[in-house]
C-alpha atoms as a PDB file:
ATOM      1  CA  MET A   1     -60.843  57.353-113.182  1.00  0.00           C
ATOM      2  CA  LYS A   2     -60.509  56.859-109.461  1.00  0.00           C
ATOM      3  CA  THR A   3     -58.499  53.702-109.946  1.00  0.00           C
ATOM      4  CA  THR A   4     -56.069  55.328-112.228  1.00  0.00           C
ATOM      5  CA  LEU A   5     -55.504  58.136-109.728  1.00  0.00           C
ATOM      6  CA  SER A   6     -55.183  55.885-106.718  1.00  0.00           C
ATOM      7  CA  LYS A   7     -52.414  53.725-108.108  1.00  0.00           C
ATOM      8  CA  PRO A   8     -50.045  56.605-108.706  1.00  0.00           C
ATOM      9  CA  MET A   9     -50.806  57.930-105.213  1.00  0.00           C
ATOM     10  CA  ILE A  10     -49.997  54.653-103.664  1.00  0.00           C
ATOM     11  CA  ILE A  11     -46.715  54.436-105.539  1.00  0.00           C
ATOM     12  CA  ILE A  12     -45.811  57.966-104.497  1.00  0.00           C
ATOM     13  CA  GLY A  13     -46.642  57.201-100.829  1.00  0.00           C
ATOM     14  CA  LEU A  14     -44.420  54.116-100.852  1.00  0.00           C
ATOM     15  CA  ILE A  15     -41.560  56.081-102.307  1.00  0.00           C
ATOM     16  CA  LEU A  16     -41.921  58.705 -99.582  1.00  0.00           C
ATOM     17  CA  ILE A  17     -41.936  56.088 -96.902  1.00  0.00           C
ATOM     18  CA  VAL A  18     -38.810  54.438 -98.287  1.00  0.00           C
ATOM     19  CA  VAL A  19     -37.033  57.732 -98.536  1.00  0.00           C
ATOM     20  CA  CYS A  20     -37.964  58.988 -95.044  1.00  0.00           C
ATOM     21  CA  CYS A  21     -37.581  55.832 -92.954  1.00  0.00           C
ATOM     22  CA  PRO A  22     -33.814  55.142 -93.339  1.00  0.00           C
ATOM     23  CA  LYS A  23     -33.023  58.524 -91.881  1.00  0.00           C
ATOM     24  CA  SER A  24     -35.041  57.949 -88.721  1.00  0.00           C
ATOM     25  CA  TYR A  25     -33.498  54.509 -88.161  1.00  0.00           C
ATOM     26  CA  GLY A  26     -30.022  55.956 -88.532  1.00  0.00           C
ATOM     27  CA  GLN A  27     -30.655  58.665 -85.977  1.00  0.00           C
ATOM     28  CA  ASP A  28     -31.890  56.124 -83.389  1.00  0.00           C
ATOM     29  CA  SER A  29     -28.791  53.931 -83.704  1.00  0.00           C
ATOM     30  CA  ILE A  30     -26.428  56.888 -83.294  1.00  0.00           C
ATOM     31  CA  SER A  31     -28.162  58.049 -80.108  1.00  0.00           C
ATOM     32  CA  GLN A  32     -27.941  54.538 -78.602  1.00  0.00           C
ATOM     33  CA  LYS A  33     -24.272  54.297 -79.433  1.00  0.00           C
ATOM     34  CA  SER A  34     -23.619  57.635 -77.781  1.00  0.00           C
ATOM     35  CA  GLN A  35     -25.410  56.500 -74.652  1.00  0.00           C
ATOM     36  CA  MET A  36     -23.337  53.268 -74.513  1.00  0.00           C
ATOM     37  CA  LEU A  37     -20.175  55.296 -74.917  1.00  0.00           C
ATOM     38  CA  ASP A  38     -21.167  57.523 -72.020  1.00  0.00           C
ATOM     39  CA  LEU A  39     -21.723  54.442 -69.793  1.00  0.00           C
ATOM     40  CA  LYS A  40     -18.353  52.979 -70.702  1.00  0.00           C
ATOM     41  CA  LEU A  41     -16.678  56.268 -69.892  1.00  0.00           C
ATOM     42  CA  GLN A  42     -18.406  56.332 -66.501  1.00  0.00           C
ATOM     43  CA  LEU A  43     -17.237  52.766 -65.751  1.00  0.00           C
ATOM     44  CA  LEU A  44     -13.733  53.683 -66.768  1.00  0.00           C
ATOM     45  CA  ASP A  45     -13.802  56.676 -64.432  1.00  0.00           C
ATOM     46  CA  SER A  46     -14.945  54.457 -61.531  1.00  0.00           C
ATOM     47  CA  LYS A  47     -12.174  51.957 -62.265  1.00  0.00           C
ATOM     48  CA  LEU A  48      -9.638  54.737 -62.297  1.00  0.00           C
ATOM     49  CA  ASP A  49     -10.959  55.939 -58.937  1.00  0.00           C
ATOM     50  CA  LEU A  50     -10.602  52.421 -57.486  1.00  0.00           C
ATOM     51  CA  LEU A  51      -7.114  52.132 -58.867  1.00  0.00           C
ATOM     52  CA  ASP A  52      -6.260  55.467 -57.321  1.00  0.00           C
ATOM     53  CA  THR A  53      -7.527  54.367 -53.876  1.00  0.00           C
ATOM     54  CA  LYS A  54      -5.540  51.102 -54.126  1.00  0.00           C
ATOM     55  CA  ILE A  55      -2.383  52.982 -54.975  1.00  0.00           C
ATOM     56  CA  LYS A  56      -2.949  55.243 -51.971  1.00  0.00           C
ATOM     57  CA  LEU A  57      -3.425  52.185 -49.713  1.00  0.00           C
ATOM     58  CA  TRP A  58      -0.252  50.605 -51.038  1.00  0.00           C
ATOM     59  CA  GLU A  59       1.590  53.809 -50.344  1.00  0.00           C
ATOM     60  CA  ALA A  60       0.163  53.948 -46.763  1.00  0.00           C
ATOM     61  CA  LYS A  61       1.074  50.306 -45.835  1.00  0.00           C
ATOM     62  CA  PRO A  62       4.880  50.754 -45.871  1.00  0.00           C
ATOM     63  CA  LYS A  63       4.451  53.679 -43.500  1.00  0.00           C
ATOM     64  CA  GLU A  64       2.396  51.565 -41.088  1.00  0.00           C
ATOM     65  CA  LEU A  65       4.953  48.783 -41.323  1.00  0.00           C
ATOM     66  CA  ASP A  66       7.718  51.238 -40.559  1.00  0.00           C
ATOM     67  CA  ILE A  67       5.822  52.449 -37.489  1.00  0.00           C
ATOM     68  CA  LYS A  68       5.275  48.869 -36.216  1.00  0.00           C
ATOM     69  CA  LEU A  69       8.883  47.919 -36.858  1.00  0.00           C
ATOM     70  CA  ASN A  70      10.016  50.982 -34.954  1.00  0.00           C
ATOM     71  CA  GLU A  71       7.756  49.977 -32.026  1.00  0.00           C
ATOM     72  CA  ILE A  72       9.138  46.405 -32.027  1.00  0.00           C
ATOM     73  CA  GLY A  73      12.684  47.715 -32.205  1.00  0.00           C
ATOM     74  CA  SER A  74      12.095  50.027 -29.243  1.00  0.00           C
ATOM     75  CA  LYS A  75      10.652  47.112 -27.219  1.00  0.00           C
ATOM     76  CA  ILE A  76      13.630  44.909 -28.064  1.00  0.00           C
ATOM     77  CA  ASN A  77      16.010  47.690 -27.091  1.00  0.00           C
ATOM     78  CA  SER A  78      14.200  48.055 -23.742  1.00  0.00           C
ATOM     79  CA  MET A  79      14.768  44.321 -22.933  1.00  0.00           C
ATOM     80  CA  ASP A  80      17.559  43.269 -20.561  1.00  0.00           C
ATOM     81  CA  PHE A  81      18.887  40.426 -22.715  1.00  0.00           C
ATOM     82  CA  ASP A  82      20.354  40.319 -26.178  1.00  0.00           C
ATOM     83  CA  PRO A  83      18.102  38.435 -28.659  1.00  0.00           C
ATOM     84  CA  GLN A  84      21.113  37.434 -30.710  1.00  0.00           C
ATOM     85  CA  VAL A  85      22.685  35.751 -27.696  1.00  0.00           C
ATOM     86  CA  MET A  86      19.432  33.946 -26.915  1.00  0.00           C
ATOM     87  CA  THR A  87      19.140  32.825 -30.521  1.00  0.00           C
ATOM     88  CA  LYS A  88      22.709  31.537 -30.400  1.00  0.00           C
ATOM     89  CA  LYS A  89      22.052  29.558 -27.225  1.00  0.00           C
ATOM     90  CA  ILE A  90      18.874  28.074 -28.675  1.00  0.00           C
ATOM     91  CA  ASN A  91      20.791  26.997 -31.763  1.00  0.00           C
ATOM     92  CA  GLU A  92      23.485  25.406 -29.571  1.00  0.00           C
ATOM     93  CA  LEU A  93      20.867  23.458 -27.599  1.00  0.00           C
ATOM     94  CA  ASP A  94      19.239  22.342 -30.831  1.00  0.00           C
ATOM     95  CA  SER A  95      22.581  21.134 -32.178  1.00  0.00           C
ATOM     96  CA  LEU A  96      23.349  19.249 -28.953  1.00  0.00           C
ATOM     97  CA  PHE A  97      19.942  17.566 -29.051  1.00  0.00           C
ATOM     98  CA  LYS A  98      20.492  16.491 -32.668  1.00  0.00           C
ATOM     99  CA  VAL A  99      23.931  15.082 -31.776  1.00  0.00           C
ATOM    100  CA  SER A 100      22.494  13.096 -28.844  1.00  0.00           C
ATOM    101  CA  GLN A 101      19.745  11.735 -31.064  1.00  0.00           C
ATOM    102  CA  LYS A 102      22.305  10.639 -33.659  1.00  0.00           C
ATOM    103  CA  SER A 103      24.441   8.945 -31.005  1.00  0.00           C
ATOM    104  CA  LYS A 104      21.431   6.974 -29.735  1.00  0.00           C
ATOM    105  CA  LEU A 105      20.277   5.791 -33.113  1.00  0.00           C
ATOM    106  CA  PRO A 106      23.074   3.216 -33.725  1.00  0.00           C
ATOM    107  CA  ASP A 107      22.411   1.542 -30.361  1.00  0.00           C
ATOM    108  CA  GLU A 108      18.749   1.256 -31.158  1.00  0.00           C
ATOM    109  CA  ILE A 109      19.394  -0.049 -34.650  1.00  0.00           C
ATOM    110  CA  GLN A 110      22.080  -2.579 -33.746  1.00  0.00           C
ATOM    111  CA  PRO A 111      20.518  -5.946 -32.897  1.00  0.00           C
ATOM    112  CA  VAL A 112      21.429  -7.516 -29.570  1.00  0.00           C
ATOM    113  CA  PRO A 113      23.000 -10.996 -29.873  1.00  0.00           C
ATOM    114  CA  ALA A 114      20.812 -13.835 -28.757  1.00  0.00           C
ATOM    115  CA  LYS A 115      23.458 -15.000 -26.242  1.00  0.00           C
ATOM    116  CA  GLU A 116      23.419 -11.658 -24.469  1.00  0.00           C
ATOM    117  CA  LEU A 117      19.660 -11.653 -24.077  1.00  0.00           C
ATOM    118  CA  LYS A 118      18.676 -12.315 -20.494  1.00  0.00           C
ATOM    119  CA  THR A 119      15.269 -13.161 -19.189  1.00  0.00           C
ATOM    120  CA  PRO A 120      13.968 -10.451 -16.867  1.00  0.00           C
ATOM    121  CA  PRO A 121      14.029 -11.441 -13.193  1.00  0.00           C
ATOM    122  CA  GLN A 122      10.778 -12.797 -11.951  1.00  0.00           C
ATOM    123  CA  PRO A 123       9.135 -10.704  -9.209  1.00  0.00           C
ATOM    124  CA  GLU A 124       9.707 -12.207  -5.796  1.00  0.00           C
ATOM    125  CA  PHE A 125       6.572 -13.384  -4.029  1.00  0.00           C
ATOM    126  CA  ILE A 126       6.327 -11.648  -0.674  1.00  0.00           C
ATOM    127  CA  PRO A 127       3.381 -13.055   1.292  1.00  0.00           C
ATOM    128  CA  ASP A 128       1.411 -10.701   3.465  1.00  0.00           C
ATOM    129  CA  TYR A 129       0.698 -12.544   6.715  1.00  0.00           C
ATOM    130  CA  LYS A 130      -1.854 -11.171   9.156  1.00  0.00           C
ATOM    131  CA  SER A 131      -1.813 -13.805  11.903  1.00  0.00           C
ATOM    132  CA  SER A 132      -0.312 -17.069  13.104  1.00  0.00           C
ATOM    133  CA  ILE A 133      -1.437 -20.022  15.218  1.00  0.00           C
ATOM    134  CA  MET A 134       1.281 -21.635  17.336  1.00  0.00           C
ATOM    135  CA  LEU A 135       1.569 -24.837  19.394  1.00  0.00           C
ATOM    136  CA  ASP A 136       4.247 -25.428  22.059  1.00  0.00           C
ATOM    137  CA  PRO A 137       5.127 -29.138  21.782  1.00  0.00           C
ATOM    138  CA  LEU A 138       7.461 -29.086  24.811  1.00  0.00           C
ATOM    139  CA  ARG A 139       4.571 -28.232  27.120  1.00  0.00           C
ATOM    140  CA  ILE A 140       2.914 -31.515  26.161  1.00  0.00           C
ATOM    141  CA  MET A 141       5.680 -33.279  28.108  1.00  0.00           C
ATOM    142  CA  GLU A 142       4.370 -31.432  31.183  1.00  0.00           C
ATOM    143  CA  GLY A 143       0.794 -32.508  30.546  1.00  0.00           C
ATOM    144  CA  THR A 144      -0.066 -29.008  29.319  1.00  0.00           C
ATOM    145  CA  PHE A 145      -1.631 -28.066  26.017  1.00  0.00           C
ATOM    146  CA  TYR A 146      -0.513 -24.526  25.058  1.00  0.00           C
ATOM    147  CA  LEU A 147      -2.065 -23.003  21.939  1.00  0.00           C
ATOM    148  CA  SER A 148      -1.519 -19.338  21.033  1.00  0.00           C
ATOM    149  CA  TYR A 149      -2.948 -16.961  18.451  1.00  0.00           C
ATOM    150  CA  GLU A 150      -0.973 -13.952  17.217  1.00  0.00           C
ATOM    151  CA  ARG A 151      -2.661 -11.057  15.436  1.00  0.00           C
ATOM    152  CA  ILE A 152      -0.771  -8.319  13.590  1.00  0.00           C
ATOM    153  CA  LEU A 153      -1.557  -4.754  14.693  1.00  0.00           C
ATOM    154  CA  ASN A 154       0.847  -3.104  12.191  1.00  0.00           C
ATOM    155  CA  PRO A 155       4.123  -4.107  10.460  1.00  0.00           C
ATOM    156  CA  ARG A 156       5.986  -3.758  13.754  1.00  0.00           C
ATOM    157  CA  PHE A 157       3.650  -4.760  16.599  1.00  0.00           C
ATOM    158  CA  SER A 158       1.422  -7.736  17.312  1.00  0.00           C
ATOM    159  CA  LEU A 159      -0.698  -9.168  20.106  1.00  0.00           C
ATOM    160  CA  ASN A 160      -0.252 -12.787  21.143  1.00  0.00           C
ATOM    161  CA  VAL A 161      -2.830 -14.573  23.317  1.00  0.00           C
ATOM    162  CA  GLY A 162      -2.172 -18.116  24.537  1.00  0.00           C
ATOM    163  CA  GLY A 163      -4.540 -20.563  26.178  1.00  0.00           C
ATOM    164  CA  ILE A 164      -3.200 -23.068  28.741  1.00  0.00           C
ATOM    165  CA  ILE A 165      -4.957 -26.347  29.607  1.00  0.00           C
ATOM    166  CA  THR A 166      -3.270 -28.743  32.040  1.00  0.00           C
ATOM    167  CA  TYR A 167      -3.990 -32.343  32.959  1.00  0.00           C
ATOM    168  CA  SER A 168      -0.916 -34.054  34.382  1.00  0.00           C
ATOM    169  CA  THR A 169      -0.613 -37.462  36.076  1.00  0.00           C
ATOM    170  CA  GLN A 170       2.058 -40.021  36.897  1.00  0.00           C
ATOM    171  CA  LYS A 171       1.169 -41.939  33.762  1.00  0.00           C
ATOM    172  CA  GLY A 172       1.500 -40.987  30.121  1.00  0.00           C
ATOM    173  CA  LEU A 173       3.806 -38.363  28.575  1.00  0.00           C
ATOM    174  CA  SER A 174       3.838 -36.220  31.724  1.00  0.00           C
ATOM    175  CA  ASN A 175       5.219 -39.043  33.912  1.00  0.00           C
ATOM    176  CA  TYR A 176       8.771 -37.655  34.131  1.00  0.00           C
ATOM    177  CA  TYR A 177       7.659 -34.094  34.859  1.00  0.00           C
ATOM    178  CA  PHE A 178       4.998 -35.120  37.368  1.00  0.00           C
ATOM    179  CA  SER A 179       7.286 -37.539  39.208  1.00  0.00           C
ATOM    180  CA  ASN A 180       9.896 -34.803  39.753  1.00  0.00           C
ATOM    181  CA  GLN A 181       7.464 -32.391  41.390  1.00  0.00           C
ATOM    182  CA  HIS A 182       7.367 -31.943  45.135  1.00  0.00           C
ATOM    183  CA  PHE A 183       3.848 -31.758  46.587  1.00  0.00           C
ATOM    184  CA  ALA A 184       3.359 -30.359  50.063  1.00  0.00           C
ATOM    185  CA  PHE A 185       0.664 -28.685  52.129  1.00  0.00           C
ATOM    186  CA  LEU A 186       0.891 -26.312  55.059  1.00  0.00           C
ATOM    187  CA  ASP A 187      -0.312 -27.704  58.379  1.00  0.00           C
ATOM    188  CA  ALA A 188      -2.060 -24.814  60.084  1.00  0.00           C
ATOM    189  CA  SER A 189      -1.620 -26.337  63.577  1.00  0.00           C
ATOM    190  CA  THR A 190       2.162 -26.698  63.314  1.00  0.00           C
ATOM    191  CA  ASN A 191       2.749 -24.056  60.526  1.00  0.00           C
ATOM    192  CA  GLU A 192       4.899 -26.609  58.716  1.00  0.00           C
ATOM    193  CA  TYR A 193       4.789 -28.140  55.263  1.00  0.00           C
ATOM    194  CA  HIS A 194       3.943 -31.829  54.985  1.00  0.00           C
ATOM    195  CA  SER A 195       4.654 -33.811  51.844  1.00  0.00           C
ATOM    196  CA  TYR A 196       2.054 -35.874  50.076  1.00  0.00           C
ATOM    197  CA  THR A 197       1.815 -37.981  46.947  1.00  0.00           C
ATOM    198  CA  GLY A 198       0.201 -36.211  44.045  1.00  0.00           C
ATOM    199  CA  GLU A 199      -2.215 -38.013  41.787  1.00  0.00           C
ATOM    200  CA  VAL A 200      -3.711 -35.451  39.389  1.00  0.00           C
ATOM    201  CA  MET A 201      -2.902 -31.824  38.561  1.00  0.00           C
ATOM    202  CA  SER A 202      -5.402 -30.030  36.318  1.00  0.00           C
ATOM    203  CA  GLY A 203      -6.459 -26.501  35.440  1.00  0.00           C
ATOM    204  CA  GLY A 204      -6.233 -23.717  32.916  1.00  0.00           C
ATOM    205  CA  GLY A 205      -4.737 -20.327  32.324  1.00  0.00           C
ATOM    206  CA  LEU A 206      -4.053 -17.430  29.993  1.00  0.00           C
ATOM    207  CA  ASN A 207      -0.827 -15.837  28.699  1.00  0.00           C
ATOM    208  CA  ILE A 208      -0.759 -12.438  26.925  1.00  0.00           C
ATOM    209  CA  GLN A 209       2.229 -10.989  25.046  1.00  0.00           C
ATOM    210  CA  PHE A 210       2.675  -7.644  23.295  1.00  0.00           C
ATOM    211  CA  ARG A 211       5.368  -8.289  20.678  1.00  0.00           C
ATOM    212  CA  ASN A 212       7.648  -5.673  19.163  1.00  0.00           C
ATOM    213  CA  TYR A 213       9.453  -6.848  16.006  1.00  0.00           C
ATOM    214  CA  LEU A 214      12.795  -5.097  16.271  1.00  0.00           C
ATOM    215  CA  LEU A 215      13.976  -5.234  12.646  1.00  0.00           C
ATOM    216  CA  ALA A 216      10.703  -4.328  10.926  1.00  0.00           C
ATOM    217  CA  ASN A 217      11.805  -0.764  10.077  1.00  0.00           C
ATOM    218  CA  HIS A 218      15.037  -1.856   8.382  1.00  0.00           C
ATOM    219  CA  PRO A 219      14.857  -2.188   4.556  1.00  0.00           C
ATOM    220  CA  GLY A 220      14.771  -5.739   3.286  1.00  0.00           C
ATOM    221  CA  ARG A 221      14.019  -7.188   6.736  1.00  0.00           C
ATOM    222  CA  GLN A 222      11.072  -9.298   7.787  1.00  0.00           C
ATOM    223  CA  ILE A 223       8.034  -7.664   9.319  1.00  0.00           C
ATOM    224  CA  ALA A 224       5.510  -9.022  11.787  1.00  0.00           C
ATOM    225  CA  PRO A 225       4.776 -11.848  12.370  1.00  0.00           C
ATOM    226  CA  LEU A 226       8.289 -12.956  11.343  1.00  0.00           C
ATOM    227  CA  GLY A 227      11.760 -12.021  12.556  1.00  0.00           C
ATOM    228  CA  LEU A 228      13.378 -10.971  15.804  1.00  0.00           C
ATOM    229  CA  TYR A 229      11.039  -9.702  18.512  1.00  0.00           C
ATOM    230  CA  ALA A 230      10.913  -8.687  22.179  1.00  0.00           C
ATOM    231  CA  ALA A 231       7.753  -9.007  24.228  1.00  0.00           C
ATOM    232  CA  PRO A 232       6.537  -8.271  27.738  1.00  0.00           C
ATOM    233  CA  GLN A 233       4.118 -10.909  28.975  1.00  0.00           C
ATOM    234  CA  ILE A 234       1.722 -11.618  31.811  1.00  0.00           C
ATOM    235  CA  MET A 235       0.305 -15.002  32.796  1.00  0.00           C
ATOM    236  CA  TYR A 236      -2.355 -16.376  35.103  1.00  0.00           C
ATOM    237  CA  ARG A 237      -2.980 -20.026  35.911  1.00  0.00           C
ATOM    238  CA  ASN A 238      -5.377 -21.817  38.248  1.00  0.00           C
ATOM    239  CA  LEU A 239      -4.496 -25.386  39.199  1.00  0.00           C
ATOM    240  CA  THR A 240      -6.240 -28.035  41.259  1.00  0.00           C
ATOM    241  CA  ILE A 241      -3.946 -30.664  42.771  1.00  0.00           C
ATOM    242  CA  THR A 242      -5.332 -33.928  44.157  1.00  0.00           C
ATOM    243  CA  GLY A 243      -3.234 -36.335  46.226  1.00  0.00           C
ATOM    244  CA  ASN A 244      -3.092 -38.439  49.375  1.00  0.00           C
ATOM    245  CA  TYR A 245      -0.879 -38.798  52.401  1.00  0.00           C
ATOM    246  CA  PRO A 246      -0.772 -41.305  55.294  1.00  0.00           C
ATOM    247  CA  GLU A 247      -1.960 -40.189  58.719  1.00  0.00           C
ATOM    248  CA  LEU A 248      -1.804 -42.064  62.003  1.00  0.00           C
ATOM    249  CA  GLU A 249      -5.250 -42.332  63.554  1.00  0.00           C
ATOM    250  CA  GLU A 250      -6.455 -43.920  66.733  1.00  0.00           C
ATOM    251  CA  THR A 251      -8.894 -46.613  65.707  1.00  0.00           C
ATOM    252  CA  SER A 252      -9.605 -47.821  69.276  1.00  0.00           C
ATOM    253  CA  PRO A 253      -8.318 -46.910  72.712  1.00  0.00           C
ATOM    254  CA  GLY A 254      -4.601 -47.561  72.683  1.00  0.00           C
ATOM    255  CA  GLU A 255      -4.567 -48.745  69.034  1.00  0.00           C
ATOM    256  CA  PHE A 256      -3.335 -46.615  66.086  1.00  0.00           C
ATOM    257  CA  GLU A 257      -3.462 -47.258  62.365  1.00  0.00           C
ATOM    258  CA  TRP A 258      -2.123 -45.493  59.279  1.00  0.00           C
ATOM    259  CA  VAL A 259      -4.948 -44.196  57.168  1.00  0.00           C
ATOM    260  CA  ASP A 260      -4.647 -42.638  53.696  1.00  0.00           C
ATOM    261  CA  LYS A 261      -6.083 -39.152  53.593  1.00  0.00           C
ATOM    262  CA  THR A 262      -7.129 -37.366  50.412  1.00  0.00           C
ATOM    263  CA  ILE A 263      -6.098 -33.771  49.978  1.00  0.00           C
ATOM    264  CA  ILE A 264      -7.227 -31.245  47.391  1.00  0.00           C
ATOM    265  CA  GLN A 265      -5.354 -27.955  46.915  1.00  0.00           C
ATOM    266  CA  HIS A 266      -6.228 -24.937  44.746  1.00  0.00           C
ATOM    267  CA  LEU A 267      -3.284 -22.950  43.489  1.00  0.00           C
ATOM    268  CA  ASN A 268      -3.274 -19.518  41.820  1.00  0.00           C
ATOM    269  CA  ILE A 269      -0.170 -18.558  39.818  1.00  0.00           C
ATOM    270  CA  PHE A 270       0.655 -15.012  38.673  1.00  0.00           C
ATOM    271  CA  ALA A 271       3.652 -14.330  36.454  1.00  0.00           C
ATOM    272  CA  GLY A 272       5.089 -11.488  34.417  1.00  0.00           C
ATOM    273  CA  GLY A 273       8.316 -10.880  32.535  1.00  0.00           C
ATOM    274  CA  VAL A 274      10.068 -10.281  29.226  1.00  0.00           C
ATOM    275  CA  ILE A 275      11.127 -12.667  26.485  1.00  0.00           C
ATOM    276  CA  LEU A 276      13.283 -12.365  23.362  1.00  0.00           C
ATOM    277  CA  GLY A 277      12.375 -14.560  20.436  1.00  0.00           C
ATOM    278  CA  MET A 278      12.915 -15.307  16.767  1.00  0.00           C
ATOM    279  CA  LYS A 279      10.225 -16.476  14.350  1.00  0.00           C
ATOM    280  CA  ILE A 280      11.622 -18.251  11.303  1.00  0.00           C
ATOM    281  CA  PRO A 281       9.479 -19.037   8.225  1.00  0.00           C
ATOM    282  CA  LEU A 282       9.417 -22.585   6.931  1.00  0.00           C
ATOM    283  CA  LEU A 283       8.036 -23.553   3.479  1.00  0.00           C
ATOM    284  CA  LYS A 284       6.174 -20.189   3.301  1.00  0.00           C
ATOM    285  CA  VAL A 285       3.359 -21.677   5.369  1.00  0.00           C
ATOM    286  CA  LEU A 286       4.892 -22.900   8.629  1.00  0.00           C
ATOM    287  CA  THR A 287       6.974 -21.046  11.183  1.00  0.00           C
ATOM    288  CA  ILE A 288       9.217 -21.925  14.123  1.00  0.00           C
ATOM    289  CA  ASP A 289       9.324 -19.699  17.191  1.00  0.00           C
ATOM    290  CA  LEU A 290      12.384 -19.876  19.458  1.00  0.00           C
ATOM    291  CA  PHE A 291      12.247 -17.758  22.611  1.00  0.00           C
ATOM    292  CA  ALA A 292      13.941 -17.264  25.972  1.00  0.00           C
ATOM    293  CA  GLY A 293      13.616 -14.821  28.842  1.00  0.00           C
ATOM    294  CA  GLY A 294      12.777 -14.437  32.496  1.00  0.00           C
ATOM    295  CA  ASN A 295       9.659 -14.163  34.675  1.00  0.00           C
ATOM    296  CA  ILE A 296       8.699 -13.215  38.196  1.00  0.00           C
ATOM    297  CA  LYS A 297       6.335 -15.898  39.458  1.00  0.00           C
ATOM    298  CA  LEU A 298       4.049 -15.686  42.500  1.00  0.00           C
ATOM    299  CA  SER A 299       2.179 -18.804  43.634  1.00  0.00           C
ATOM    300  CA  LYS A 300      -0.472 -18.834  46.342  1.00  0.00           C
ATOM    301  CA  TYR A 301      -2.603 -21.700  47.672  1.00  0.00           C
ATOM    302  CA  LYS A 302      -6.184 -21.035  48.598  1.00  0.00           C
ATOM    303  CA  GLY A 303      -6.515 -20.797  52.358  1.00  0.00           C
ATOM    304  CA  GLU A 304      -2.909 -19.664  52.910  1.00  0.00           C
ATOM    305  CA  THR A 305      -2.043 -16.094  53.818  1.00  0.00           C
ATOM    306  CA  GLY A 306       1.008 -15.550  51.642  1.00  0.00           C
ATOM    307  CA  PHE A 307       2.894 -16.794  48.628  1.00  0.00           C
ATOM    308  CA  THR A 308       4.746 -20.094  48.723  1.00  0.00           C
ATOM    309  CA  LYS A 309       8.277 -20.267  50.131  1.00  0.00           C
ATOM    310  CA  TYR A 310      11.241 -22.588  50.035  1.00  0.00           C
ATOM    311  CA  LYS A 311      10.295 -24.187  46.760  1.00  0.00           C
ATOM    312  CA  ASP A 312      12.665 -25.269  43.981  1.00  0.00           C
ATOM    313  CA  TRP A 313      12.612 -23.046  40.862  1.00  0.00           C
ATOM    314  CA  TYR A 314      11.549 -25.936  38.624  1.00  0.00           C
ATOM    315  CA  ASN A 315       8.605 -26.811  40.889  1.00  0.00           C
ATOM    316  CA  PHE A 316       5.150 -25.868  39.586  1.00  0.00           C
ATOM    317  CA  ASP A 317       4.331 -23.821  42.772  1.00  0.00           C
ATOM    318  CA  PHE A 318       7.615 -21.888  42.932  1.00  0.00           C
ATOM    319  CA  SER A 319       7.536 -18.179  43.833  1.00  0.00           C
ATOM    320  CA  GLY A 320      10.382 -15.971  42.642  1.00  0.00           C
ATOM    321  CA  VAL A 321      12.427 -15.210  39.532  1.00  0.00           C
ATOM    322  CA  TYR A 322      12.927 -18.077  37.113  1.00  0.00           C
ATOM    323  CA  PRO A 323      14.104 -18.502  33.495  1.00  0.00           C
ATOM    324  CA  VAL A 324      11.774 -19.113  30.564  1.00  0.00           C
ATOM    325  CA  ALA A 325      12.623 -20.848  27.284  1.00  0.00           C
ATOM    326  CA  GLY A 326      10.671 -22.721  24.694  1.00  0.00           C
ATOM    327  CA  LEU A 327       9.933 -23.752  21.146  1.00  0.00           C
ATOM    328  CA  ALA A 328       6.669 -23.315  19.240  1.00  0.00           C
ATOM    329  CA  ILE A 329       5.596 -24.523  15.818  1.00  0.00           C
ATOM    330  CA  GLY A 330       2.679 -23.124  13.889  1.00  0.00           C
ATOM    331  CA  ILE A 331       1.111 -21.985  10.656  1.00  0.00           C
ATOM    332  CA  LEU A 332       0.973 -18.526   9.049  1.00  0.00           C
ATOM    333  CA  LYS A 333      -2.207 -16.995   7.704  1.00  0.00           C
END
């Protein structure tokens, strides 16, 4: 009996469930759809608000631009120059520059004929000399070896120092010079000069010159140690002269005989003057020095009170004014 009753109950319960459930499911879906609709409406409202703010910004920007343009216009009006004129001048300069560029282009493009091509000039070699060593060959004929050294102080001035060594006799290259000299000594007892025959003349000395190259400041001219120069100079020489002379001596009472006497003299020579010279380069290594001038010469023998007198100007012991000239050959360094 229970089984028969339970089956109908079960069938009735299932029917109730089927009938009631669709309604509840339908209500849930409608509520969800209404909620989604509300959200979409809220999003739409926010988008409309954003669009409204953008429209307001777009409306405000033209006003700001108008304000800035008005400020720029007032500044331009306050300027002293006309911008249109300046713009016109800039355009004119630009057009002139373009025209000059166009006029230059054909010259750059056109090839130069091979015949018209010229090799660039080679740079001229200008040696920079700092010193020179010179030898006076004419002094050798006097039995004197004269060697000088010139050192450059600057492009215009130089210092020249010469060493003098003398050994002259009647023989050798100095024969002519030595034979034409007049040797004499002062006799203290009679205060007269007596001649004697010289045999040897030897000694040394020093000559100093301060050279001024006159054309060094002119463009394209030669600088020290080459070119035209003027120089004051001072000289000192010490010579020893040996010779003999005949003297009559009494060998025995009433008898006299000529006896050769040896005499040795020491001579000091002081000289100073001015010379004008020209140094000419030769083969970029050698140089020739031609000079001439005048000196005041004072000669004094040891043991005598004053300078020599009554001597010929070409004599080695002359005192007075005498000319100077010479030739020197040397090398440049």
